[in-house]
Amino acid sequence: MDRRWALIVHGGARTIAASLHEANRTGCALAASAGSAVLAAGGSALDAAEAAVRQLEDDPTFNAGTGSVPTSAGHVEMDAAMMDGSTLEVGAVAALSDVRHPVSVARLLIAETPVLLAGGGASAFARSRGIEAFDVPAAAETEPQHDTVGCVAMDMSGRFAVATSTGGLTGQMPGRVGDAPIPGCGFYADDQVGGVAVSGDGESILRILLSMRVIDRLRSASPTDAVAEALGEMERVGGEAGIIALDREGNFGVAHNSDHFAVALAASWLLEPIAAVRQEELKGYLSRG
């Protein structure tokens, strides 16, 4: 068995105030540590990705879980998803308002027939699986946010998993669903290729199936080239996006056209997680083009 493992997390593609740069680096590093602890102990990519995103959902620095923002009606609607790269099974939830960790509800759906449950259906499913109701307070944001969080993990067996979670846009129309819970748009994982998770303007990402464009390129290009080329496709529809990716060798790819992109890398060959809010901070750690 190859003992190599790798994991990459992101806390959102957006403009981050200078006063919050360190909080974003620290939060992503903690999430990467949570996921890497699972992988270093021989755990699965699914467990690692879930652990990393749960950490981000608990951190009010990020727009997910406890950091979610209100719709125009003044309440929270969260989306989340997980995907198993071995089986291509997906679990996803949308417009979920009453759990602390929507990513864990998505994880439970991987074993079920429905791929995606929304609103009351997602809440009822969570209750049926023993997840207690939790009153998620809406974060005090004054501007629309699009900082979905995500994780891509590769375990020692070469299995991939991806997880995403988002607290939506401030003031969004109730019932709006972005790219985060939609496979091929906000995420994708395939053991034969690698994994990808994205953040940004959900409507634009949906229109061009951004994650699938990365996966297609990973079949023949490095992660660095794959994410950069796919990001270039955003010019057709406009909007900001950030992309993280891993290939089958555990090489990292990161690209964004937003001012900042909170990211952390962890791997069996790194001494500790490497966190950044600008791509240039990751120089030397990303795959060569």
C-alpha atoms as a PDB file:
ATOM      1  CA  MET A   1       0.000   0.000   0.000  1.00  0.00           C
ATOM      2  CA  ASP A   2       1.258   3.485  -0.862  1.00  0.00           C
ATOM      3  CA  ARG A   3       1.455   5.380   2.419  1.00  0.00           C
ATOM      4  CA  ARG A   4       1.154   8.781   0.763  1.00  0.00           C
ATOM      5  CA  TRP A   5      -1.890  10.882   1.536  1.00  0.00           C
ATOM      6  CA  ALA A   6      -2.880  14.460   0.756  1.00  0.00           C
ATOM      7  CA  LEU A   7      -5.626  16.921   1.551  1.00  0.00           C
ATOM      8  CA  ILE A   8      -6.517  20.461   0.517  1.00  0.00           C
ATOM      9  CA  VAL A   9      -9.190  22.741   1.977  1.00  0.00           C
ATOM     10  CA  HIS A  10     -10.554  26.140   1.057  1.00  0.00           C
ATOM     11  CA  GLY A  11     -12.514  28.734   3.001  1.00  0.00           C
ATOM     12  CA  GLY A  12     -13.883  30.690   0.084  1.00  0.00           C
ATOM     13  CA  ALA A  13     -12.970  32.826  -2.932  1.00  0.00           C
ATOM     14  CA  ARG A  14     -13.711  36.474  -2.207  1.00  0.00           C
ATOM     15  CA  THR A  15     -12.201  39.760  -1.100  1.00  0.00           C
ATOM     16  CA  ILE A  16     -10.987  39.258   2.459  1.00  0.00           C
ATOM     17  CA  ALA A  17     -10.359  42.305   4.639  1.00  0.00           C
ATOM     18  CA  ALA A  18      -6.719  42.553   5.722  1.00  0.00           C
ATOM     19  CA  SER A  19      -7.796  42.310   9.358  1.00  0.00           C
ATOM     20  CA  LEU A  20      -9.255  38.848   8.638  1.00  0.00           C
ATOM     21  CA  HIS A  21      -6.345  37.348   6.685  1.00  0.00           C
ATOM     22  CA  GLU A  22      -4.826  35.623   9.692  1.00  0.00           C
ATOM     23  CA  ALA A  23      -8.181  34.286  10.896  1.00  0.00           C
ATOM     24  CA  ASN A  24      -8.732  32.758   7.458  1.00  0.00           C
ATOM     25  CA  ARG A  25      -5.258  31.208   7.374  1.00  0.00           C
ATOM     26  CA  THR A  26      -5.637  29.862  10.902  1.00  0.00           C
ATOM     27  CA  GLY A  27      -9.136  28.511  10.274  1.00  0.00           C
ATOM     28  CA  CYS A  28      -8.096  26.700   7.103  1.00  0.00           C
ATOM     29  CA  ALA A  29      -4.983  25.307   8.790  1.00  0.00           C
ATOM     30  CA  LEU A  30      -7.092  23.934  11.647  1.00  0.00           C
ATOM     31  CA  ALA A  31      -9.452  22.295   9.154  1.00  0.00           C
ATOM     32  CA  ALA A  32      -6.526  20.783   7.267  1.00  0.00           C
ATOM     33  CA  SER A  33      -5.144  19.491  10.574  1.00  0.00           C
ATOM     34  CA  ALA A  34      -8.480  17.883  11.436  1.00  0.00           C
ATOM     35  CA  GLY A  35      -8.614  16.093   8.099  1.00  0.00           C
ATOM     36  CA  SER A  36      -4.943  15.159   8.019  1.00  0.00           C
ATOM     37  CA  ALA A  37      -5.159  13.569  11.483  1.00  0.00           C
ATOM     38  CA  VAL A  38      -7.678  11.124  10.005  1.00  0.00           C
ATOM     39  CA  LEU A  39      -5.515  10.366   6.984  1.00  0.00           C
ATOM     40  CA  ALA A  40      -2.282  10.008   8.946  1.00  0.00           C
ATOM     41  CA  ALA A  41      -3.985   7.394  11.138  1.00  0.00           C
ATOM     42  CA  GLY A  42      -4.950   5.383   8.048  1.00  0.00           C
ATOM     43  CA  GLY A  43      -8.525   6.691   7.888  1.00  0.00           C
ATOM     44  CA  SER A  44     -10.651   7.090   4.791  1.00  0.00           C
ATOM     45  CA  ALA A  45     -10.794  10.092   2.481  1.00  0.00           C
ATOM     46  CA  LEU A  46     -14.523  10.379   3.256  1.00  0.00           C
ATOM     47  CA  ASP A  47     -13.886  10.636   6.998  1.00  0.00           C
ATOM     48  CA  ALA A  48     -11.096  13.151   6.453  1.00  0.00           C
ATOM     49  CA  ALA A  49     -13.084  15.427   4.138  1.00  0.00           C
ATOM     50  CA  GLU A  50     -16.047  15.403   6.507  1.00  0.00           C
ATOM     51  CA  ALA A  51     -13.836  16.182   9.518  1.00  0.00           C
ATOM     52  CA  ALA A  52     -12.179  19.101   7.733  1.00  0.00           C
ATOM     53  CA  VAL A  53     -15.452  20.676   6.617  1.00  0.00           C
ATOM     54  CA  ARG A  54     -17.082  20.172  10.023  1.00  0.00           C
ATOM     55  CA  GLN A  55     -14.215  22.221  11.464  1.00  0.00           C
ATOM     56  CA  LEU A  56     -14.908  24.998   8.944  1.00  0.00           C
ATOM     57  CA  GLU A  57     -18.643  24.849   9.732  1.00  0.00           C
ATOM     58  CA  ASP A  58     -17.810  25.442  13.407  1.00  0.00           C
ATOM     59  CA  ASP A  59     -15.696  28.516  12.631  1.00  0.00           C
ATOM     60  CA  PRO A  60     -17.722  31.753  12.237  1.00  0.00           C
ATOM     61  CA  THR A  61     -14.901  33.123  10.087  1.00  0.00           C
ATOM     62  CA  PHE A  62     -16.397  31.144   7.212  1.00  0.00           C
ATOM     63  CA  ASN A  63     -19.802  31.262   5.548  1.00  0.00           C
ATOM     64  CA  ALA A  64     -20.883  27.712   6.377  1.00  0.00           C
ATOM     65  CA  GLY A  65     -22.623  26.079   9.328  1.00  0.00           C
ATOM     66  CA  THR A  66     -22.458  28.460  12.279  1.00  0.00           C
ATOM     67  CA  GLY A  67     -21.135  31.241  10.021  1.00  0.00           C
ATOM     68  CA  SER A  68     -24.101  31.154   7.614  1.00  0.00           C
ATOM     69  CA  VAL A  69     -25.802  34.348   6.457  1.00  0.00           C
ATOM     70  CA  PRO A  70     -29.505  35.290   6.223  1.00  0.00           C
ATOM     71  CA  THR A  71     -31.744  35.167   3.167  1.00  0.00           C
ATOM     72  CA  SER A  72     -33.988  38.121   2.281  1.00  0.00           C
ATOM     73  CA  ALA A  73     -36.529  36.575   4.657  1.00  0.00           C
ATOM     74  CA  GLY A  74     -34.020  36.765   7.508  1.00  0.00           C
ATOM     75  CA  HIS A  75     -33.327  33.072   8.051  1.00  0.00           C
ATOM     76  CA  VAL A  76     -30.531  30.658   7.189  1.00  0.00           C
ATOM     77  CA  GLU A  77     -30.550  28.173   4.282  1.00  0.00           C
ATOM     78  CA  MET A  78     -27.470  25.966   3.966  1.00  0.00           C
ATOM     79  CA  ASP A  79     -26.264  23.659   1.192  1.00  0.00           C
ATOM     80  CA  ALA A  80     -23.694  20.868   1.448  1.00  0.00           C
ATOM     81  CA  ALA A  81     -22.461  17.811  -0.416  1.00  0.00           C
ATOM     82  CA  MET A  82     -20.057  14.886  -0.264  1.00  0.00           C
ATOM     83  CA  MET A  83     -18.829  12.539  -2.990  1.00  0.00           C
ATOM     84  CA  ASP A  84     -17.027   9.189  -2.848  1.00  0.00           C
ATOM     85  CA  GLY A  85     -14.501   8.929  -5.668  1.00  0.00           C
ATOM     86  CA  SER A  86     -14.440   5.136  -5.444  1.00  0.00           C
ATOM     87  CA  THR A  87     -18.141   4.550  -6.087  1.00  0.00           C
ATOM     88  CA  LEU A  88     -19.108   7.952  -7.545  1.00  0.00           C
ATOM     89  CA  GLU A  89     -21.872   8.077  -4.946  1.00  0.00           C
ATOM     90  CA  VAL A  90     -23.074  11.539  -3.930  1.00  0.00           C
ATOM     91  CA  GLY A  91     -25.027  12.857  -0.975  1.00  0.00           C
ATOM     92  CA  ALA A  92     -26.254  16.452  -0.940  1.00  0.00           C
ATOM     93  CA  VAL A  93     -28.627  18.770   0.893  1.00  0.00           C
ATOM     94  CA  ALA A  94     -30.013  22.183  -0.003  1.00  0.00           C
ATOM     95  CA  ALA A  95     -31.902  24.931   1.846  1.00  0.00           C
ATOM     96  CA  LEU A  96     -31.306  23.163   5.154  1.00  0.00           C
ATOM     97  CA  SER A  97     -31.796  25.451   8.139  1.00  0.00           C
ATOM     98  CA  ASP A  98     -31.715  23.499  11.371  1.00  0.00           C
ATOM     99  CA  VAL A  99     -28.488  21.503  11.775  1.00  0.00           C
ATOM    100  CA  ARG A 100     -25.035  22.508  12.963  1.00  0.00           C
ATOM    101  CA  HIS A 101     -23.189  20.378  10.395  1.00  0.00           C
ATOM    102  CA  PRO A 102     -24.995  20.082   7.062  1.00  0.00           C
ATOM    103  CA  VAL A 103     -21.975  18.275   5.593  1.00  0.00           C
ATOM    104  CA  SER A 104     -22.684  15.352   7.932  1.00  0.00           C
ATOM    105  CA  VAL A 105     -26.272  15.116   6.705  1.00  0.00           C
ATOM    106  CA  ALA A 106     -24.897  15.002   3.159  1.00  0.00           C
ATOM    107  CA  ARG A 107     -22.501  12.224   4.230  1.00  0.00           C
ATOM    108  CA  LEU A 108     -25.415  10.129   5.504  1.00  0.00           C
ATOM    109  CA  LEU A 109     -27.190  10.489   2.162  1.00  0.00           C
ATOM    110  CA  ILE A 110     -24.318   8.782   0.322  1.00  0.00           C
ATOM    111  CA  ALA A 111     -25.743   5.454   1.481  1.00  0.00           C
ATOM    112  CA  GLU A 112     -29.310   6.343   0.422  1.00  0.00           C
ATOM    113  CA  THR A 113     -31.144   6.300  -2.910  1.00  0.00           C
ATOM    114  CA  PRO A 114     -31.817  10.050  -3.151  1.00  0.00           C
ATOM    115  CA  VAL A 115     -28.792  12.077  -4.198  1.00  0.00           C
ATOM    116  CA  LEU A 116     -30.121  15.424  -2.978  1.00  0.00           C
ATOM    117  CA  LEU A 117     -32.777  16.407  -0.446  1.00  0.00           C
ATOM    118  CA  ALA A 118     -33.928  19.980   0.101  1.00  0.00           C
ATOM    119  CA  GLY A 119     -35.626  22.029   2.801  1.00  0.00           C
ATOM    120  CA  GLY A 120     -38.097  20.132   4.955  1.00  0.00           C
ATOM    121  CA  GLY A 121     -37.207  16.826   3.340  1.00  0.00           C
ATOM    122  CA  ALA A 122     -33.549  17.276   4.290  1.00  0.00           C
ATOM    123  CA  SER A 123     -34.528  18.242   7.844  1.00  0.00           C
ATOM    124  CA  ALA A 124     -36.801  15.220   8.207  1.00  0.00           C
ATOM    125  CA  PHE A 125     -34.032  12.934   6.956  1.00  0.00           C
ATOM    126  CA  ALA A 126     -31.596  14.446   9.476  1.00  0.00           C
ATOM    127  CA  ARG A 127     -34.032  13.831  12.326  1.00  0.00           C
ATOM    128  CA  SER A 128     -34.618  10.252  11.156  1.00  0.00           C
ATOM    129  CA  ARG A 129     -30.872   9.619  11.402  1.00  0.00           C
ATOM    130  CA  GLY A 130     -30.596  10.984  14.919  1.00  0.00           C
ATOM    131  CA  ILE A 131     -29.189  14.425  14.119  1.00  0.00           C
ATOM    132  CA  GLU A 132     -30.637  16.878  16.616  1.00  0.00           C
ATOM    133  CA  ALA A 133     -32.143  20.174  15.538  1.00  0.00           C
ATOM    134  CA  PHE A 134     -29.858  23.181  15.991  1.00  0.00           C
ATOM    135  CA  ASP A 135     -30.856  26.824  15.687  1.00  0.00           C
ATOM    136  CA  VAL A 136     -28.209  28.273  13.375  1.00  0.00           C
ATOM    137  CA  PRO A 137     -27.868  32.016  14.028  1.00  0.00           C
ATOM    138  CA  ALA A 138     -27.515  34.193  10.952  1.00  0.00           C
ATOM    139  CA  ALA A 139     -24.120  35.895  10.841  1.00  0.00           C
ATOM    140  CA  ALA A 140     -24.090  39.684  10.788  1.00  0.00           C
ATOM    141  CA  GLU A 141     -23.013  40.279   7.184  1.00  0.00           C
ATOM    142  CA  THR A 142     -23.854  43.433   5.284  1.00  0.00           C
ATOM    143  CA  GLU A 143     -22.650  42.419   1.830  1.00  0.00           C
ATOM    144  CA  PRO A 144     -23.498  39.334  -0.280  1.00  0.00           C
ATOM    145  CA  GLN A 145     -21.029  36.525   0.358  1.00  0.00           C
ATOM    146  CA  HIS A 146     -20.034  33.614  -1.837  1.00  0.00           C
ATOM    147  CA  ASP A 147     -17.461  31.861   0.262  1.00  0.00           C
ATOM    148  CA  THR A 148     -18.451  28.219   0.084  1.00  0.00           C
ATOM    149  CA  VAL A 149     -15.966  26.009   1.955  1.00  0.00           C
ATOM    150  CA  GLY A 150     -14.629  22.719   0.670  1.00  0.00           C
ATOM    151  CA  CYS A 151     -12.133  19.893   0.973  1.00  0.00           C
ATOM    152  CA  VAL A 152     -10.571  17.328  -1.352  1.00  0.00           C
ATOM    153  CA  ALA A 153      -8.840  14.341   0.259  1.00  0.00           C
ATOM    154  CA  MET A 154      -6.784  11.368  -0.956  1.00  0.00           C
ATOM    155  CA  ASP A 155      -6.159   8.578   1.539  1.00  0.00           C
ATOM    156  CA  MET A 156      -3.384   5.987   1.754  1.00  0.00           C
ATOM    157  CA  SER A 157      -5.345   3.620  -0.470  1.00  0.00           C
ATOM    158  CA  GLY A 158      -5.585   6.211  -3.241  1.00  0.00           C
ATOM    159  CA  ARG A 159      -9.278   6.797  -2.627  1.00  0.00           C
ATOM    160  CA  PHE A 160     -10.677  10.292  -3.133  1.00  0.00           C
ATOM    161  CA  ALA A 161     -13.487  12.201  -1.484  1.00  0.00           C
ATOM    162  CA  VAL A 162     -14.739  15.755  -1.655  1.00  0.00           C
ATOM    163  CA  ALA A 163     -16.950  17.771   0.671  1.00  0.00           C
ATOM    164  CA  THR A 164     -18.536  21.214   0.343  1.00  0.00           C
ATOM    165  CA  SER A 165     -20.692  23.424   2.545  1.00  0.00           C
ATOM    166  CA  THR A 166     -22.113  26.918   2.270  1.00  0.00           C
ATOM    167  CA  GLY A 167     -24.315  29.337   4.179  1.00  0.00           C
ATOM    168  CA  GLY A 168     -25.536  31.051   1.001  1.00  0.00           C
ATOM    169  CA  LEU A 169     -25.592  34.688  -0.069  1.00  0.00           C
ATOM    170  CA  THR A 170     -26.648  37.479   2.230  1.00  0.00           C
ATOM    171  CA  GLY A 171     -30.148  38.521   1.171  1.00  0.00           C
ATOM    172  CA  GLN A 172     -30.566  35.736  -1.375  1.00  0.00           C
ATOM    173  CA  MET A 173     -34.043  34.715  -2.514  1.00  0.00           C
ATOM    174  CA  PRO A 174     -35.433  31.982  -0.233  1.00  0.00           C
ATOM    175  CA  GLY A 175     -35.037  28.615  -1.919  1.00  0.00           C
ATOM    176  CA  ARG A 176     -32.033  29.679  -4.006  1.00  0.00           C
ATOM    177  CA  VAL A 177     -29.526  26.860  -4.533  1.00  0.00           C
ATOM    178  CA  GLY A 178     -26.039  27.542  -5.853  1.00  0.00           C
ATOM    179  CA  ASP A 179     -23.307  25.262  -7.123  1.00  0.00           C
ATOM    180  CA  ALA A 180     -22.148  23.783  -3.793  1.00  0.00           C
ATOM    181  CA  PRO A 181     -24.516  20.738  -3.705  1.00  0.00           C
ATOM    182  CA  ILE A 182     -24.466  20.054  -7.457  1.00  0.00           C
ATOM    183  CA  PRO A 183     -21.952  17.437  -8.721  1.00  0.00           C
ATOM    184  CA  GLY A 184     -19.921  18.561 -11.703  1.00  0.00           C
ATOM    185  CA  CYS A 185     -20.486  22.182 -10.751  1.00  0.00           C
ATOM    186  CA  GLY A 186     -19.275  22.795  -7.188  1.00  0.00           C
ATOM    187  CA  PHE A 187     -17.365  19.531  -6.775  1.00  0.00           C
ATOM    188  CA  TYR A 188     -16.417  16.151  -8.186  1.00  0.00           C
ATOM    189  CA  ALA A 189     -14.264  13.179  -7.168  1.00  0.00           C
ATOM    190  CA  ASP A 190     -13.144  10.174  -9.182  1.00  0.00           C
ATOM    191  CA  ASP A 191     -10.424   7.783  -8.022  1.00  0.00           C
ATOM    192  CA  GLN A 192      -9.353   7.330 -11.641  1.00  0.00           C
ATOM    193  CA  VAL A 193      -8.595  11.048 -12.013  1.00  0.00           C
ATOM    194  CA  GLY A 194      -8.599  13.051  -8.772  1.00  0.00           C
ATOM    195  CA  GLY A 195     -10.870  15.529  -7.038  1.00  0.00           C
ATOM    196  CA  VAL A 196     -11.941  19.155  -7.190  1.00  0.00           C
ATOM    197  CA  ALA A 197     -13.951  21.662  -5.148  1.00  0.00           C
ATOM    198  CA  VAL A 198     -14.794  25.228  -6.107  1.00  0.00           C
ATOM    199  CA  SER A 199     -16.104  28.441  -4.583  1.00  0.00           C
ATOM    200  CA  GLY A 200     -17.410  31.672  -6.052  1.00  0.00           C
ATOM    201  CA  ASP A 201     -20.378  33.013  -7.955  1.00  0.00           C
ATOM    202  CA  GLY A 202     -22.664  29.996  -7.925  1.00  0.00           C
ATOM    203  CA  GLU A 203     -24.851  30.939 -10.868  1.00  0.00           C
ATOM    204  CA  SER A 204     -21.814  31.382 -13.133  1.00  0.00           C
ATOM    205  CA  ILE A 205     -20.232  28.149 -11.904  1.00  0.00           C
ATOM    206  CA  LEU A 206     -23.481  26.284 -12.581  1.00  0.00           C
ATOM    207  CA  ARG A 207     -23.666  27.567 -16.144  1.00  0.00           C
ATOM    208  CA  ILE A 208     -20.307  26.140 -17.179  1.00  0.00           C
ATOM    209  CA  LEU A 209     -20.109  22.992 -14.988  1.00  0.00           C
ATOM    210  CA  LEU A 210     -16.796  24.273 -13.655  1.00  0.00           C
ATOM    211  CA  SER A 211     -15.722  21.239 -11.623  1.00  0.00           C
ATOM    212  CA  MET A 212     -16.313  18.862 -14.513  1.00  0.00           C
ATOM    213  CA  ARG A 213     -14.104  21.026 -16.724  1.00  0.00           C
ATOM    214  CA  VAL A 214     -11.304  20.573 -14.186  1.00  0.00           C
ATOM    215  CA  ILE A 215     -11.816  16.804 -13.981  1.00  0.00           C
ATOM    216  CA  ASP A 216     -11.695  16.498 -17.773  1.00  0.00           C
ATOM    217  CA  ARG A 217      -8.379  18.358 -17.863  1.00  0.00           C
ATOM    218  CA  LEU A 218      -6.872  16.365 -14.985  1.00  0.00           C
ATOM    219  CA  ARG A 219      -6.888  13.294 -17.220  1.00  0.00           C
ATOM    220  CA  SER A 220      -3.959  14.718 -19.197  1.00  0.00           C
ATOM    221  CA  ALA A 221      -2.748  17.879 -17.448  1.00  0.00           C
ATOM    222  CA  SER A 222      -1.166  18.777 -14.134  1.00  0.00           C
ATOM    223  CA  PRO A 223      -3.483  20.139 -11.426  1.00  0.00           C
ATOM    224  CA  THR A 224      -1.903  23.567 -11.869  1.00  0.00           C
ATOM    225  CA  ASP A 225      -2.715  23.651 -15.570  1.00  0.00           C
ATOM    226  CA  ALA A 226      -6.115  22.003 -15.119  1.00  0.00           C
ATOM    227  CA  VAL A 227      -7.415  24.556 -12.622  1.00  0.00           C
ATOM    228  CA  ALA A 228      -5.950  27.524 -14.500  1.00  0.00           C
ATOM    229  CA  GLU A 229      -7.422  26.467 -17.838  1.00  0.00           C
ATOM    230  CA  ALA A 230     -10.825  25.699 -16.343  1.00  0.00           C
ATOM    231  CA  LEU A 231     -10.883  29.033 -14.517  1.00  0.00           C
ATOM    232  CA  GLY A 232     -10.284  30.760 -17.833  1.00  0.00           C
ATOM    233  CA  GLU A 233     -13.646  29.416 -18.999  1.00  0.00           C
ATOM    234  CA  MET A 234     -15.318  31.736 -16.472  1.00  0.00           C
ATOM    235  CA  GLU A 235     -14.667  34.604 -18.888  1.00  0.00           C
ATOM    236  CA  ARG A 236     -17.575  33.324 -20.986  1.00  0.00           C
ATOM    237  CA  VAL A 237     -20.101  33.949 -18.223  1.00  0.00           C
ATOM    238  CA  GLY A 238     -18.321  36.370 -15.881  1.00  0.00           C
ATOM    239  CA  GLY A 239     -17.977  36.087 -12.137  1.00  0.00           C
ATOM    240  CA  GLU A 240     -15.403  35.145  -9.539  1.00  0.00           C
ATOM    241  CA  ALA A 241     -14.284  31.650  -8.640  1.00  0.00           C
ATOM    242  CA  GLY A 242     -11.599  29.757  -6.789  1.00  0.00           C
ATOM    243  CA  ILE A 243     -10.642  26.135  -7.451  1.00  0.00           C
ATOM    244  CA  ILE A 244      -8.731  23.512  -5.466  1.00  0.00           C
ATOM    245  CA  ALA A 245      -7.756  20.142  -6.909  1.00  0.00           C
ATOM    246  CA  LEU A 246      -5.730  16.991  -6.278  1.00  0.00           C
ATOM    247  CA  ASP A 247      -4.516  14.491  -8.849  1.00  0.00           C
ATOM    248  CA  ARG A 248      -3.872  10.764  -8.333  1.00  0.00           C
ATOM    249  CA  GLU A 249      -0.292  11.418  -7.187  1.00  0.00           C
ATOM    250  CA  GLY A 250      -1.449  13.889  -4.562  1.00  0.00           C
ATOM    251  CA  ASN A 251      -0.248  16.965  -6.443  1.00  0.00           C
ATOM    252  CA  PHE A 252      -2.069  20.203  -5.576  1.00  0.00           C
ATOM    253  CA  GLY A 253      -3.706  22.711  -7.894  1.00  0.00           C
ATOM    254  CA  VAL A 254      -5.051  26.121  -6.819  1.00  0.00           C
ATOM    255  CA  ALA A 255      -6.402  28.974  -8.944  1.00  0.00           C
ATOM    256  CA  HIS A 256      -8.655  31.984  -8.347  1.00  0.00           C
ATOM    257  CA  ASN A 257      -9.685  35.196 -10.075  1.00  0.00           C
ATOM    258  CA  SER A 258     -10.998  36.726  -6.846  1.00  0.00           C
ATOM    259  CA  ASP A 259      -8.811  39.051  -4.781  1.00  0.00           C
ATOM    260  CA  HIS A 260      -8.231  36.321  -2.209  1.00  0.00           C
ATOM    261  CA  PHE A 261      -8.771  32.593  -1.733  1.00  0.00           C
ATOM    262  CA  ALA A 262      -8.339  31.067   1.723  1.00  0.00           C
ATOM    263  CA  VAL A 263      -6.602  27.683   1.322  1.00  0.00           C
ATOM    264  CA  ALA A 264      -4.574  25.149   3.306  1.00  0.00           C
ATOM    265  CA  LEU A 265      -2.570  22.149   2.107  1.00  0.00           C
ATOM    266  CA  ALA A 266      -1.594  19.055   4.103  1.00  0.00           C
ATOM    267  CA  ALA A 267       0.215  15.913   3.014  1.00  0.00           C
ATOM    268  CA  SER A 268       2.267  13.009   4.304  1.00  0.00           C
ATOM    269  CA  TRP A 269       5.401  14.721   2.946  1.00  0.00           C
ATOM    270  CA  LEU A 270       4.716  18.093   4.607  1.00  0.00           C
ATOM    271  CA  LEU A 271       5.650  18.747   8.231  1.00  0.00           C
ATOM    272  CA  GLU A 272       2.535  20.857   8.874  1.00  0.00           C
ATOM    273  CA  PRO A 273      -0.360  22.436   6.955  1.00  0.00           C
ATOM    274  CA  ILE A 274       0.515  25.320   4.661  1.00  0.00           C
ATOM    275  CA  ALA A 275      -2.135  28.072   4.727  1.00  0.00           C
ATOM    276  CA  ALA A 276      -2.589  31.094   2.466  1.00  0.00           C
ATOM    277  CA  VAL A 277      -5.025  33.743   1.284  1.00  0.00           C
ATOM    278  CA  ARG A 278      -3.110  34.509  -1.929  1.00  0.00           C
ATOM    279  CA  GLN A 279      -1.848  31.990  -4.452  1.00  0.00           C
ATOM    280  CA  GLU A 280       1.691  33.402  -4.385  1.00  0.00           C
ATOM    281  CA  GLU A 281       1.961  32.281  -0.762  1.00  0.00           C
ATOM    282  CA  LEU A 282       1.797  28.681  -1.997  1.00  0.00           C
ATOM    283  CA  LYS A 283       4.806  28.991  -4.304  1.00  0.00           C
ATOM    284  CA  GLY A 284       6.784  25.766  -4.287  1.00  0.00           C
ATOM    285  CA  TYR A 285       3.888  23.643  -3.045  1.00  0.00           C
ATOM    286  CA  LEU A 286       1.736  23.480  -6.179  1.00  0.00           C
ATOM    287  CA  SER A 287       2.216  21.079  -9.086  1.00  0.00           C
ATOM    288  CA  ARG A 288       4.361  22.304 -11.923  1.00  0.00           C
ATOM    289  CA  GLY A 289       2.652  23.294 -15.152  1.00  0.00           C
END
